[in-house]
PDB file of N, CA and C in Angstrom:
ATOM      1  N   MET A   1     -28.398   4.534  49.250  1.00  0.00           N
ATOM      2  CA  MET A   1     -29.727   5.116  49.188  1.00  0.00           C
ATOM      3  C   MET A   1     -30.182   5.213  47.748  1.00  0.00           C
ATOM      4  N   THR A   2     -31.459   5.079  47.583  1.00  0.00           N
ATOM      5  CA  THR A   2     -32.116   5.372  46.315  1.00  0.00           C
ATOM      6  C   THR A   2     -33.233   6.361  46.644  1.00  0.00           C
ATOM      7  N   PRO A   3     -33.877   6.932  45.651  1.00  0.00           N
ATOM      8  CA  PRO A   3     -34.979   7.853  45.973  1.00  0.00           C
ATOM      9  C   PRO A   3     -36.095   7.200  46.789  1.00  0.00           C
ATOM     10  N   GLY A   4     -36.249   5.871  46.684  1.00  0.00           N
ATOM     11  CA  GLY A   4     -37.347   5.229  47.384  1.00  0.00           C
ATOM     12  C   GLY A   4     -36.969   4.317  48.527  1.00  0.00           C
ATOM     13  N   LYS A   5     -35.682   3.972  48.646  1.00  0.00           N
ATOM     14  CA  LYS A   5     -35.271   3.018  49.679  1.00  0.00           C
ATOM     15  C   LYS A   5     -33.926   3.399  50.266  1.00  0.00           C
ATOM     16  N   CYS A   6     -33.679   2.886  51.454  1.00  0.00           N
ATOM     17  CA  CYS A   6     -32.411   3.123  52.135  1.00  0.00           C
ATOM     18  C   CYS A   6     -31.948   1.806  52.727  1.00  0.00           C
ATOM     19  N   GLY A   7     -30.685   1.505  52.576  1.00  0.00           N
ATOM     20  CA  GLY A   7     -30.119   0.300  53.161  1.00  0.00           C
ATOM     21  C   GLY A   7     -29.134   0.664  54.254  1.00  0.00           C
ATOM     22  N   ILE A   8     -28.914  -0.266  55.159  1.00  0.00           N
ATOM     23  CA  ILE A   8     -27.989  -0.035  56.272  1.00  0.00           C
ATOM     24  C   ILE A   8     -26.869  -1.056  56.177  1.00  0.00           C
ATOM     25  N   LEU A   9     -25.652  -0.572  56.283  1.00  0.00           N
ATOM     26  CA  LEU A   9     -24.483  -1.443  56.314  1.00  0.00           C
ATOM     27  C   LEU A   9     -23.817  -1.313  57.674  1.00  0.00           C
ATOM     28  N   LEU A  10     -23.390  -2.413  58.201  1.00  0.00           N
ATOM     29  CA  LEU A  10     -22.653  -2.416  59.454  1.00  0.00           C
ATOM     30  C   LEU A  10     -21.225  -2.850  59.174  1.00  0.00           C
ATOM     31  N   PRO A  11     -20.274  -2.348  59.937  1.00  0.00           N
ATOM     32  CA  PRO A  11     -18.877  -2.737  59.711  1.00  0.00           C
ATOM     33  C   PRO A  11     -18.671  -4.226  59.951  1.00  0.00           C
ATOM     34  N   ASP A  12     -17.743  -4.792  59.212  1.00  0.00           N
ATOM     35  CA  ASP A  12     -17.294  -6.159  59.434  1.00  0.00           C
ATOM     36  C   ASP A  12     -16.041  -6.031  60.293  1.00  0.00           C
ATOM     37  N   ARG A  13     -16.097  -6.453  61.528  1.00  0.00           N
ATOM     38  CA  ARG A  13     -15.141  -6.081  62.579  1.00  0.00           C
ATOM     39  C   ARG A  13     -15.237  -4.569  62.682  1.00  0.00           C
ATOM     40  N   ASP A  14     -14.170  -3.816  62.471  1.00  0.00           N
ATOM     41  CA  ASP A  14     -14.228  -2.350  62.489  1.00  0.00           C
ATOM     42  C   ASP A  14     -14.041  -1.796  61.079  1.00  0.00           C
ATOM     43  N   ILE A  15     -14.216  -2.609  60.066  1.00  0.00           N
ATOM     44  CA  ILE A  15     -13.887  -2.202  58.706  1.00  0.00           C
ATOM     45  C   ILE A  15     -15.153  -1.992  57.885  1.00  0.00           C
ATOM     46  N   MET A  16     -15.209  -0.831  57.228  1.00  0.00           N
ATOM     47  CA  MET A  16     -16.280  -0.563  56.275  1.00  0.00           C
ATOM     48  C   MET A  16     -15.636   0.105  55.069  1.00  0.00           C
ATOM     49  N   THR A  17     -15.935  -0.413  53.897  1.00  0.00           N
ATOM     50  CA  THR A  17     -15.367   0.144  52.677  1.00  0.00           C
ATOM     51  C   THR A  17     -16.463   0.816  51.861  1.00  0.00           C
ATOM     52  N   HIS A  18     -16.050   1.709  50.997  1.00  0.00           N
ATOM     53  CA  HIS A  18     -16.958   2.421  50.094  1.00  0.00           C
ATOM     54  C   HIS A  18     -16.924   1.741  48.731  1.00  0.00           C
ATOM     55  N   SER A  19     -18.035   1.781  48.043  1.00  0.00           N
ATOM     56  CA  SER A  19     -18.067   1.244  46.685  1.00  0.00           C
ATOM     57  C   SER A  19     -18.999   2.101  45.832  1.00  0.00           C
ATOM     58  N   ASN A  20     -18.938   1.879  44.548  1.00  0.00           N
ATOM     59  CA  ASN A  20     -19.826   2.581  43.623  1.00  0.00           C
ATOM     60  C   ASN A  20     -20.953   1.664  43.152  1.00  0.00           C
ATOM     61  N   HIS A  21     -21.231   0.651  43.932  1.00  0.00           N
ATOM     62  CA  HIS A  21     -22.364  -0.237  43.667  1.00  0.00           C
ATOM     63  C   HIS A  21     -23.037  -0.534  45.014  1.00  0.00           C
ATOM     64  N   PHE A  22     -24.282  -0.953  44.950  1.00  0.00           N
ATOM     65  CA  PHE A  22     -25.018  -1.236  46.182  1.00  0.00           C
ATOM     66  C   PHE A  22     -24.538  -2.536  46.801  1.00  0.00           C
ATOM     67  N   LEU A  23     -24.309  -2.509  48.099  1.00  0.00           N
ATOM     68  CA  LEU A  23     -23.930  -3.703  48.835  1.00  0.00           C
ATOM     69  C   LEU A  23     -25.131  -4.306  49.557  1.00  0.00           C
ATOM     70  N   THR A  24     -26.162  -3.529  49.796  1.00  0.00           N
ATOM     71  CA  THR A  24     -27.374  -4.021  50.424  1.00  0.00           C
ATOM     72  C   THR A  24     -28.153  -4.812  49.383  1.00  0.00           C
ATOM     73  N   HIS A  25     -28.437  -6.082  49.672  1.00  0.00           N
ATOM     74  CA  HIS A  25     -29.002  -6.988  48.664  1.00  0.00           C
ATOM     75  C   HIS A  25     -30.308  -6.484  48.051  1.00  0.00           C
ATOM     76  N   PHE A  26     -31.187  -5.843  48.823  1.00  0.00           N
ATOM     77  CA  PHE A  26     -32.470  -5.441  48.264  1.00  0.00           C
ATOM     78  C   PHE A  26     -32.400  -4.171  47.425  1.00  0.00           C
ATOM     79  N   LEU A  27     -31.236  -3.532  47.325  1.00  0.00           N
ATOM     80  CA  LEU A  27     -31.064  -2.392  46.433  1.00  0.00           C
ATOM     81  C   LEU A  27     -30.322  -2.776  45.145  1.00  0.00           C
ATOM     82  N   GLN A  28     -29.774  -3.972  45.105  1.00  0.00           N
ATOM     83  CA  GLN A  28     -28.933  -4.367  43.981  1.00  0.00           C
ATOM     84  C   GLN A  28     -29.675  -4.418  42.649  1.00  0.00           C
ATOM     85  N   ASP A  29     -30.995  -4.652  42.659  1.00  0.00           N
ATOM     86  CA  ASP A  29     -31.729  -4.669  41.394  1.00  0.00           C
ATOM     87  C   ASP A  29     -31.840  -3.273  40.780  1.00  0.00           C
ATOM     88  N   ARG A  30     -31.529  -2.227  41.541  1.00  0.00           N
ATOM     89  CA  ARG A  30     -31.566  -0.855  41.044  1.00  0.00           C
ATOM     90  C   ARG A  30     -30.175  -0.345  40.653  1.00  0.00           C
ATOM     91  N   ASP A  31     -29.204  -1.225  40.757  1.00  0.00           N
ATOM     92  CA  ASP A  31     -27.811  -0.837  40.562  1.00  0.00           C
ATOM     93  C   ASP A  31     -27.471  -0.734  39.087  1.00  0.00           C
ATOM     94  N   MET A  32     -26.888   0.405  38.696  1.00  0.00           N
ATOM     95  CA  MET A  32     -26.456   0.582  37.314  1.00  0.00           C
ATOM     96  C   MET A  32     -25.047   0.045  37.098  1.00  0.00           C
ATOM     97  N   ALA A  33     -24.331  -0.218  38.167  1.00  0.00           N
ATOM     98  CA  ALA A  33     -22.947  -0.694  38.063  1.00  0.00           C
ATOM     99  C   ALA A  33     -22.928  -2.224  38.046  1.00  0.00           C
ATOM    100  N   ASP A  34     -23.551  -2.813  37.021  1.00  0.00           N
ATOM    101  CA  ASP A  34     -23.539  -4.262  36.956  1.00  0.00           C
ATOM    102  C   ASP A  34     -22.149  -4.746  36.546  1.00  0.00           C
ATOM    103  N   GLN A  35     -21.953  -6.039  36.645  1.00  0.00           N
ATOM    104  CA  GLN A  35     -20.612  -6.576  36.431  1.00  0.00           C
ATOM    105  C   GLN A  35     -20.150  -6.514  34.986  1.00  0.00           C
ATOM    106  N   THR A  36     -21.029  -6.197  34.063  1.00  0.00           N
ATOM    107  CA  THR A  36     -20.594  -6.105  32.672  1.00  0.00           C
ATOM    108  C   THR A  36     -20.243  -4.677  32.275  1.00  0.00           C
ATOM    109  N   SER A  37     -20.915  -3.682  32.865  1.00  0.00           N
ATOM    110  CA  SER A  37     -20.637  -2.312  32.442  1.00  0.00           C
ATOM    111  C   SER A  37     -19.538  -1.651  33.265  1.00  0.00           C
ATOM    112  N   PHE A  38     -19.460  -1.917  34.552  1.00  0.00           N
ATOM    113  CA  PHE A  38     -18.433  -1.309  35.399  1.00  0.00           C
ATOM    114  C   PHE A  38     -17.876  -2.342  36.379  1.00  0.00           C
ATOM    115  N   PRO A  39     -17.182  -3.356  35.877  1.00  0.00           N
ATOM    116  CA  PRO A  39     -16.696  -4.409  36.774  1.00  0.00           C
ATOM    117  C   PRO A  39     -15.679  -3.922  37.786  1.00  0.00           C
ATOM    118  N   ASP A  40     -15.028  -2.794  37.527  1.00  0.00           N
ATOM    119  CA  ASP A  40     -13.983  -2.325  38.429  1.00  0.00           C
ATOM    120  C   ASP A  40     -14.517  -1.974  39.812  1.00  0.00           C
ATOM    121  N   THR A  41     -15.770  -1.545  39.935  1.00  0.00           N
ATOM    122  CA  THR A  41     -16.289  -1.176  41.245  1.00  0.00           C
ATOM    123  C   THR A  41     -16.294  -2.377  42.191  1.00  0.00           C
ATOM    124  N   PHE A  42     -16.587  -3.573  41.671  1.00  0.00           N
ATOM    125  CA  PHE A  42     -16.591  -4.773  42.499  1.00  0.00           C
ATOM    126  C   PHE A  42     -15.163  -5.152  42.893  1.00  0.00           C
ATOM    127  N   LEU A  43     -14.257  -5.068  41.928  1.00  0.00           N
ATOM    128  CA  LEU A  43     -12.860  -5.402  42.187  1.00  0.00           C
ATOM    129  C   LEU A  43     -12.220  -4.425  43.165  1.00  0.00           C
ATOM    130  N   ARG A  44     -12.507  -3.153  42.989  1.00  0.00           N
ATOM    131  CA  ARG A  44     -11.911  -2.125  43.846  1.00  0.00           C
ATOM    132  C   ARG A  44     -12.415  -2.251  45.279  1.00  0.00           C
ATOM    133  N   GLN A  45     -13.702  -2.507  45.471  1.00  0.00           N
ATOM    134  CA  GLN A  45     -14.253  -2.652  46.810  1.00  0.00           C
ATOM    135  C   GLN A  45     -13.661  -3.885  47.503  1.00  0.00           C
ATOM    136  N   TYR A  46     -13.559  -4.993  46.775  1.00  0.00           N
ATOM    137  CA  TYR A  46     -12.971  -6.210  47.332  1.00  0.00           C
ATOM    138  C   TYR A  46     -11.505  -5.990  47.698  1.00  0.00           C
ATOM    139  N   ARG A  47     -10.773  -5.332  46.815  1.00  0.00           N
ATOM    140  CA  ARG A  47      -9.341  -5.092  47.058  1.00  0.00           C
ATOM    141  C   ARG A  47      -9.133  -4.211  48.280  1.00  0.00           C
ATOM    142  N   MET A  48      -9.945  -3.155  48.446  1.00  0.00           N
ATOM    143  CA  MET A  48      -9.795  -2.282  49.610  1.00  0.00           C
ATOM    144  C   MET A  48     -10.075  -3.055  50.895  1.00  0.00           C
ATOM    145  N   LYS A  49     -11.100  -3.872  50.886  1.00  0.00           N
ATOM    146  CA  LYS A  49     -11.393  -4.667  52.085  1.00  0.00           C
ATOM    147  C   LYS A  49     -10.234  -5.610  52.390  1.00  0.00           C
ATOM    148  N   GLN A  50      -9.678  -6.231  51.357  1.00  0.00           N
ATOM    149  CA  GLN A  50      -8.537  -7.132  51.517  1.00  0.00           C
ATOM    150  C   GLN A  50      -7.343  -6.384  52.133  1.00  0.00           C
ATOM    151  N   LEU A  51      -7.027  -5.209  51.603  1.00  0.00           N
ATOM    152  CA  LEU A  51      -5.896  -4.431  52.122  1.00  0.00           C
ATOM    153  C   LEU A  51      -6.130  -3.978  53.556  1.00  0.00           C
ATOM    154  N   MET A  52      -7.351  -3.577  53.864  1.00  0.00           N
ATOM    155  CA  MET A  52      -7.643  -3.140  55.227  1.00  0.00           C
ATOM    156  C   MET A  52      -7.561  -4.311  56.205  1.00  0.00           C
ATOM    157  N   GLU A  53      -7.976  -5.491  55.778  1.00  0.00           N
ATOM    158  CA  GLU A  53      -7.829  -6.687  56.624  1.00  0.00           C
ATOM    159  C   GLU A  53      -6.352  -6.981  56.878  1.00  0.00           C
ATOM    160  N   GLU A  54      -5.524  -6.847  55.839  1.00  0.00           N
ATOM    161  CA  GLU A  54      -4.084  -7.100  55.980  1.00  0.00           C
ATOM    162  C   GLU A  54      -3.431  -6.127  56.957  1.00  0.00           C
ATOM    163  N   HIS A  55      -3.951  -4.918  57.045  1.00  0.00           N
ATOM    164  CA  HIS A  55      -3.371  -3.892  57.921  1.00  0.00           C
ATOM    165  C   HIS A  55      -4.194  -3.695  59.191  1.00  0.00           C
ATOM    166  N   TYR A  56      -5.082  -4.630  59.484  1.00  0.00           N
ATOM    167  CA  TYR A  56      -5.978  -4.496  60.633  1.00  0.00           C
ATOM    168  C   TYR A  56      -5.194  -4.221  61.922  1.00  0.00           C
ATOM    169  N   GLY A  57      -5.643  -3.232  62.661  1.00  0.00           N
ATOM    170  CA  GLY A  57      -4.992  -2.856  63.917  1.00  0.00           C
ATOM    171  C   GLY A  57      -3.857  -1.858  63.736  1.00  0.00           C
ATOM    172  N   LYS A  58      -3.473  -1.603  62.486  1.00  0.00           N
ATOM    173  CA  LYS A  58      -2.379  -0.670  62.207  1.00  0.00           C
ATOM    174  C   LYS A  58      -2.811   0.436  61.247  1.00  0.00           C
ATOM    175  N   ILE A  59      -4.121   0.554  61.023  1.00  0.00           N
ATOM    176  CA  ILE A  59      -4.601   1.534  60.047  1.00  0.00           C
ATOM    177  C   ILE A  59      -4.588   2.931  60.654  1.00  0.00           C
ATOM    178  N   ASP A  60      -3.859   3.816  59.986  1.00  0.00           N
ATOM    179  CA  ASP A  60      -3.845   5.234  60.347  1.00  0.00           C
ATOM    180  C   ASP A  60      -3.838   6.023  59.037  1.00  0.00           C
ATOM    181  N   VAL A  61      -3.680   7.314  59.126  1.00  0.00           N
ATOM    182  CA  VAL A  61      -3.726   8.149  57.927  1.00  0.00           C
ATOM    183  C   VAL A  61      -2.640   7.756  56.929  1.00  0.00           C
ATOM    184  N   ASP A  62      -1.435   7.509  57.395  1.00  0.00           N
ATOM    185  CA  ASP A  62      -0.356   7.141  56.470  1.00  0.00           C
ATOM    186  C   ASP A  62      -0.625   5.801  55.778  1.00  0.00           C
ATOM    187  N   VAL A  63      -1.173   4.842  56.500  1.00  0.00           N
ATOM    188  CA  VAL A  63      -1.518   3.555  55.884  1.00  0.00           C
ATOM    189  C   VAL A  63      -2.607   3.761  54.836  1.00  0.00           C
ATOM    190  N   MET A  64      -3.617   4.579  55.154  1.00  0.00           N
ATOM    191  CA  MET A  64      -4.682   4.827  54.182  1.00  0.00           C
ATOM    192  C   MET A  64      -4.148   5.521  52.932  1.00  0.00           C
ATOM    193  N   LYS A  65      -3.205   6.428  53.106  1.00  0.00           N
ATOM    194  CA  LYS A  65      -2.587   7.070  51.932  1.00  0.00           C
ATOM    195  C   LYS A  65      -1.954   6.012  51.033  1.00  0.00           C
ATOM    196  N   GLU A  66      -1.297   5.046  51.642  1.00  0.00           N
ATOM    197  CA  GLU A  66      -0.664   3.969  50.880  1.00  0.00           C
ATOM    198  C   GLU A  66      -1.722   3.098  50.190  1.00  0.00           C
ATOM    199  N   LEU A  67      -2.754   2.713  50.917  1.00  0.00           N
ATOM    200  CA  LEU A  67      -3.779   1.839  50.347  1.00  0.00           C
ATOM    201  C   LEU A  67      -4.502   2.498  49.178  1.00  0.00           C
ATOM    202  N   LEU A  68      -4.727   3.784  49.282  1.00  0.00           N
ATOM    203  CA  LEU A  68      -5.462   4.501  48.240  1.00  0.00           C
ATOM    204  C   LEU A  68      -4.632   4.757  46.983  1.00  0.00           C
ATOM    205  N   THR A  69      -3.340   4.418  47.015  1.00  0.00           N
ATOM    206  CA  THR A  69      -2.505   4.494  45.814  1.00  0.00           C
ATOM    207  C   THR A  69      -2.290   3.113  45.189  1.00  0.00           C
ATOM    208  N   ASP A  70      -3.004   2.110  45.676  1.00  0.00           N
ATOM    209  CA  ASP A  70      -2.848   0.746  45.183  1.00  0.00           C
ATOM    210  C   ASP A  70      -3.183   0.664  43.694  1.00  0.00           C
ATOM    211  N   HIS A  71      -2.342  -0.045  42.937  1.00  0.00           N
ATOM    212  CA  HIS A  71      -2.524  -0.166  41.493  1.00  0.00           C
ATOM    213  C   HIS A  71      -2.762  -1.604  41.030  1.00  0.00           C
ATOM    214  N   ARG A  72      -3.035  -2.526  41.944  1.00  0.00           N
ATOM    215  CA  ARG A  72      -3.323  -3.890  41.500  1.00  0.00           C
ATOM    216  C   ARG A  72      -4.567  -3.854  40.606  1.00  0.00           C
ATOM    217  N   GLY A  73      -4.463  -4.470  39.447  1.00  0.00           N
ATOM    218  CA  GLY A  73      -5.564  -4.483  38.485  1.00  0.00           C
ATOM    219  C   GLY A  73      -5.590  -3.268  37.580  1.00  0.00           C
ATOM    220  N   TYR A  74      -4.485  -2.496  37.562  1.00  0.00           N
ATOM    221  CA  TYR A  74      -4.386  -1.279  36.741  1.00  0.00           C
ATOM    222  C   TYR A  74      -4.923  -1.529  35.333  1.00  0.00           C
ATOM    223  N   PRO A  75      -5.705  -0.674  34.761  1.00  0.00           N
ATOM    224  CA  PRO A  75      -6.094   0.661  35.199  1.00  0.00           C
ATOM    225  C   PRO A  75      -7.325   0.680  36.103  1.00  0.00           C
ATOM    226  N   ASP A  76      -7.929  -0.517  36.324  1.00  0.00           N
ATOM    227  CA  ASP A  76      -9.146  -0.598  37.131  1.00  0.00           C
ATOM    228  C   ASP A  76      -8.825  -0.780  38.612  1.00  0.00           C
ATOM    229  N   SER A  77      -7.823  -0.110  39.082  1.00  0.00           N
ATOM    230  CA  SER A  77      -7.333  -0.267  40.445  1.00  0.00           C
ATOM    231  C   SER A  77      -8.012   0.711  41.396  1.00  0.00           C
ATOM    232  N   ILE A  78      -7.699   0.587  42.685  1.00  0.00           N
ATOM    233  CA  ILE A  78      -8.226   1.543  43.664  1.00  0.00           C
ATOM    234  C   ILE A  78      -7.855   2.951  43.228  1.00  0.00           C
ATOM    235  N   CYS A  79      -6.600   3.170  42.901  1.00  0.00           N
ATOM    236  CA  CYS A  79      -6.178   4.433  42.294  1.00  0.00           C
ATOM    237  C   CYS A  79      -6.455   4.268  40.802  1.00  0.00           C
ATOM    238  N   ARG A  80      -7.631   4.687  40.384  1.00  0.00           N
ATOM    239  CA  ARG A  80      -8.179   4.389  39.052  1.00  0.00           C
ATOM    240  C   ARG A  80      -7.607   5.329  38.005  1.00  0.00           C
ATOM    241  N   HIS A  81      -7.203   4.768  36.872  1.00  0.00           N
ATOM    242  CA  HIS A  81      -6.651   5.544  35.765  1.00  0.00           C
ATOM    243  C   HIS A  81      -7.455   5.297  34.502  1.00  0.00           C
ATOM    244  N   CYS A  82      -7.429   6.254  33.587  1.00  0.00           N
ATOM    245  CA  CYS A  82      -8.120   6.098  32.310  1.00  0.00           C
ATOM    246  C   CYS A  82      -7.492   4.968  31.512  1.00  0.00           C
ATOM    247  N   ASP A  83      -8.340   4.140  30.921  1.00  0.00           N
ATOM    248  CA  ASP A  83      -7.883   3.115  30.004  1.00  0.00           C
ATOM    249  C   ASP A  83      -7.980   3.708  28.605  1.00  0.00           C
ATOM    250  N   GLU A  84      -6.900   4.304  28.142  1.00  0.00           N
ATOM    251  CA  GLU A  84      -6.920   5.013  26.856  1.00  0.00           C
ATOM    252  C   GLU A  84      -7.232   4.098  25.691  1.00  0.00           C
ATOM    253  N   GLY A  85      -6.995   2.803  25.846  1.00  0.00           N
ATOM    254  CA  GLY A  85      -7.282   1.870  24.768  1.00  0.00           C
ATOM    255  C   GLY A  85      -8.687   1.292  24.834  1.00  0.00           C
ATOM    256  N   GLY A  86      -9.405   1.592  25.905  1.00  0.00           N
ATOM    257  CA  GLY A  86     -10.749   1.043  26.078  1.00  0.00           C
ATOM    258  C   GLY A  86     -11.815   1.889  25.423  1.00  0.00           C
ATOM    259  N   PRO A  87     -13.070   1.448  25.564  1.00  0.00           N
ATOM    260  CA  PRO A  87     -14.191   2.202  24.998  1.00  0.00           C
ATOM    261  C   PRO A  87     -14.303   3.591  25.626  1.00  0.00           C
ATOM    262  N   GLU A  88     -14.818   4.516  24.864  1.00  0.00           N
ATOM    263  CA  GLU A  88     -14.924   5.919  25.311  1.00  0.00           C
ATOM    264  C   GLU A  88     -15.705   6.051  26.617  1.00  0.00           C
ATOM    265  N   HIS A  89     -16.784   5.289  26.774  1.00  0.00           N
ATOM    266  CA  HIS A  89     -17.619   5.407  27.971  1.00  0.00           C
ATOM    267  C   HIS A  89     -16.967   4.819  29.221  1.00  0.00           C
ATOM    268  N   GLU A  90     -15.812   4.176  29.087  1.00  0.00           N
ATOM    269  CA  GLU A  90     -15.105   3.624  30.241  1.00  0.00           C
ATOM    270  C   GLU A  90     -13.829   4.383  30.553  1.00  0.00           C
ATOM    271  N   LYS A  91     -13.641   5.539  29.961  1.00  0.00           N
ATOM    272  CA  LYS A  91     -12.435   6.329  30.215  1.00  0.00           C
ATOM    273  C   LYS A  91     -12.675   7.258  31.402  1.00  0.00           C
ATOM    274  N   PHE A  92     -12.474   6.715  32.576  1.00  0.00           N
ATOM    275  CA  PHE A  92     -12.610   7.525  33.770  1.00  0.00           C
ATOM    276  C   PHE A  92     -11.504   7.167  34.738  1.00  0.00           C
ATOM    277  N   ARG A  93     -11.282   8.076  35.696  1.00  0.00           N
ATOM    278  CA  ARG A  93     -10.190   7.900  36.649  1.00  0.00           C
ATOM    279  C   ARG A  93     -10.618   8.441  38.002  1.00  0.00           C
ATOM    280  N   THR A  94      -9.793   8.198  38.992  1.00  0.00           N
ATOM    281  CA  THR A  94     -10.023   8.769  40.312  1.00  0.00           C
ATOM    282  C   THR A  94      -9.996  10.283  40.180  1.00  0.00           C
ATOM    283  N   LEU A  95     -11.054  10.931  40.630  1.00  0.00           N
ATOM    284  CA  LEU A  95     -11.115  12.391  40.584  1.00  0.00           C
ATOM    285  C   LEU A  95     -10.686  13.012  41.898  1.00  0.00           C
ATOM    286  N   ILE A  96     -10.949  12.330  42.990  1.00  0.00           N
ATOM    287  CA  ILE A  96     -10.560  12.854  44.295  1.00  0.00           C
ATOM    288  C   ILE A  96     -10.485  11.702  45.285  1.00  0.00           C
ATOM    289  N   SER A  97      -9.532  11.770  46.154  1.00  0.00           N
ATOM    290  CA  SER A  97      -9.359  10.784  47.207  1.00  0.00           C
ATOM    291  C   SER A  97      -9.375  11.534  48.531  1.00  0.00           C
ATOM    292  N   ILE A  98     -10.215  11.085  49.449  1.00  0.00           N
ATOM    293  CA  ILE A  98     -10.382  11.782  50.727  1.00  0.00           C
ATOM    294  C   ILE A  98     -10.204  10.797  51.879  1.00  0.00           C
ATOM    295  N   ILE A  99      -9.429  11.205  52.839  1.00  0.00           N
ATOM    296  CA  ILE A  99      -9.266  10.468  54.089  1.00  0.00           C
ATOM    297  C   ILE A  99      -9.778  11.394  55.186  1.00  0.00           C
ATOM    298  N   SER A 100     -10.679  10.907  56.005  1.00  0.00           N
ATOM    299  CA  SER A 100     -11.200  11.763  57.077  1.00  0.00           C
ATOM    300  C   SER A 100     -10.900  11.163  58.439  1.00  0.00           C
ATOM    301  N   GLN A 101     -10.704  12.046  59.375  1.00  0.00           N
ATOM    302  CA  GLN A 101     -10.466  11.674  60.769  1.00  0.00           C
ATOM    303  C   GLN A 101     -11.380  12.569  61.615  1.00  0.00           C
ATOM    304  N   PRO A 102     -12.678  12.212  61.668  1.00  0.00           N
ATOM    305  CA  PRO A 102     -13.670  13.091  62.297  1.00  0.00           C
ATOM    306  C   PRO A 102     -13.370  13.461  63.749  1.00  0.00           C
ATOM    307  N   GLU A 103     -12.821  12.519  64.503  1.00  0.00           N
ATOM    308  CA  GLU A 103     -12.560  12.812  65.919  1.00  0.00           C
ATOM    309  C   GLU A 103     -11.541  13.932  66.103  1.00  0.00           C
ATOM    310  N   ASP A 104     -10.686  14.136  65.104  1.00  0.00           N
ATOM    311  CA  ASP A 104      -9.696  15.219  65.162  1.00  0.00           C
ATOM    312  C   ASP A 104     -10.086  16.406  64.286  1.00  0.00           C
ATOM    313  N   GLY A 105     -11.213  16.292  63.579  1.00  0.00           N
ATOM    314  CA  GLY A 105     -11.656  17.374  62.710  1.00  0.00           C
ATOM    315  C   GLY A 105     -10.721  17.630  61.545  1.00  0.00           C
ATOM    316  N   LYS A 106     -10.151  16.546  60.977  1.00  0.00           N
ATOM    317  CA  LYS A 106      -9.190  16.701  59.885  1.00  0.00           C
ATOM    318  C   LYS A 106      -9.592  15.841  58.690  1.00  0.00           C
ATOM    319  N   ILE A 107      -9.258  16.344  57.504  1.00  0.00           N
ATOM    320  CA  ILE A 107      -9.377  15.570  56.278  1.00  0.00           C
ATOM    321  C   ILE A 107      -8.110  15.774  55.448  1.00  0.00           C
ATOM    322  N   TRP A 108      -7.807  14.787  54.634  1.00  0.00           N
ATOM    323  CA  TRP A 108      -6.692  14.857  53.694  1.00  0.00           C
ATOM    324  C   TRP A 108      -7.278  14.616  52.323  1.00  0.00           C
ATOM    325  N   VAL A 109      -6.894  15.428  51.349  1.00  0.00           N
ATOM    326  CA  VAL A 109      -7.490  15.378  50.016  1.00  0.00           C
ATOM    327  C   VAL A 109      -6.387  15.351  48.957  1.00  0.00           C
ATOM    328  N   SER A 110      -6.596  14.497  47.942  1.00  0.00           N
ATOM    329  CA  SER A 110      -5.691  14.442  46.798  1.00  0.00           C
ATOM    330  C   SER A 110      -6.517  14.196  45.542  1.00  0.00           C
ATOM    331  N   PRO A 111      -6.207  14.889  44.435  1.00  0.00           N
ATOM    332  CA  PRO A 111      -6.941  14.640  43.196  1.00  0.00           C
ATOM    333  C   PRO A 111      -6.579  13.294  42.556  1.00  0.00           C
ATOM    334  N   LEU A 112      -5.400  12.823  42.714  1.00  0.00           N
ATOM    335  CA  LEU A 112      -4.955  11.521  42.220  1.00  0.00           C
ATOM    336  C   LEU A 112      -3.769  11.131  43.099  1.00  0.00           C
ATOM    337  N   PRO A 113      -4.008  10.286  44.104  1.00  0.00           N
ATOM    338  CA  PRO A 113      -3.015  10.074  45.163  1.00  0.00           C
ATOM    339  C   PRO A 113      -1.662   9.516  44.737  1.00  0.00           C
ATOM    340  N   CYS A 114      -1.573   8.859  43.587  1.00  0.00           N
ATOM    341  CA  CYS A 114      -0.264   8.360  43.170  1.00  0.00           C
ATOM    342  C   CYS A 114       0.577   9.450  42.522  1.00  0.00           C
ATOM    343  N   GLN A 115      -0.055  10.591  42.182  1.00  0.00           N
ATOM    344  CA  GLN A 115       0.678  11.663  41.521  1.00  0.00           C
ATOM    345  C   GLN A 115       0.753  12.949  42.335  1.00  0.00           C
ATOM    346  N   TYR A 116      -0.209  13.166  43.200  1.00  0.00           N
ATOM    347  CA  TYR A 116      -0.264  14.417  43.966  1.00  0.00           C
ATOM    348  C   TYR A 116      -0.351  14.111  45.456  1.00  0.00           C
ATOM    349  N   PRO A 117       0.457  14.754  46.270  1.00  0.00           N
ATOM    350  CA  PRO A 117       0.401  14.491  47.712  1.00  0.00           C
ATOM    351  C   PRO A 117      -0.932  14.952  48.306  1.00  0.00           C
ATOM    352  N   TYR A 118      -1.321  14.309  49.374  1.00  0.00           N
ATOM    353  CA  TYR A 118      -2.525  14.709  50.099  1.00  0.00           C
ATOM    354  C   TYR A 118      -2.281  16.041  50.787  1.00  0.00           C
ATOM    355  N   GLN A 119      -3.286  16.886  50.764  1.00  0.00           N
ATOM    356  CA  GLN A 119      -3.259  18.167  51.486  1.00  0.00           C
ATOM    357  C   GLN A 119      -4.145  18.004  52.714  1.00  0.00           C
ATOM    358  N   GLU A 120      -3.658  18.440  53.857  1.00  0.00           N
ATOM    359  CA  GLU A 120      -4.416  18.338  55.104  1.00  0.00           C
ATOM    360  C   GLU A 120      -5.245  19.596  55.329  1.00  0.00           C
ATOM    361  N   PHE A 121      -6.488  19.385  55.763  1.00  0.00           N
ATOM    362  CA  PHE A 121      -7.384  20.484  56.108  1.00  0.00           C
ATOM    363  C   PHE A 121      -7.988  20.208  57.471  1.00  0.00           C
ATOM    364  N   SER A 122      -8.147  21.254  58.260  1.00  0.00           N
ATOM    365  CA  SER A 122      -8.816  21.149  59.545  1.00  0.00           C
ATOM    366  C   SER A 122     -10.230  21.654  59.420  1.00  0.00           C
ATOM    367  N   LEU A 123     -11.146  20.952  60.015  1.00  0.00           N
ATOM    368  CA  LEU A 123     -12.559  21.334  59.948  1.00  0.00           C
ATOM    369  C   LEU A 123     -12.940  22.214  61.128  1.00  0.00           C
TER     370      LEU A 123
END
């Protein structure tokens, strides 16, 4: 969503991934996460889709916990870490990782899944 437009995404098979850039083509011209300033968002979204395809039919909370700790492309990985040697404006990391299971009214939350275990909460 933007203040003036809304895009709709449909799952590919049963898979839908989150990204920090617009996937709807008509919103992409408003995207601040271009490939030169924040290339990791494109890599991370592609990697998550790839991992979910590999685990298709077997995805549950434990599998998602594993996928969300993926470090391929470190530090620009799904489990994002600060690049201490990079520019100051690119020093960011995963702040929170959330897995939700709405049908059971449960969520699992971790501030950095490779270092802190997920805590389960009931809604």
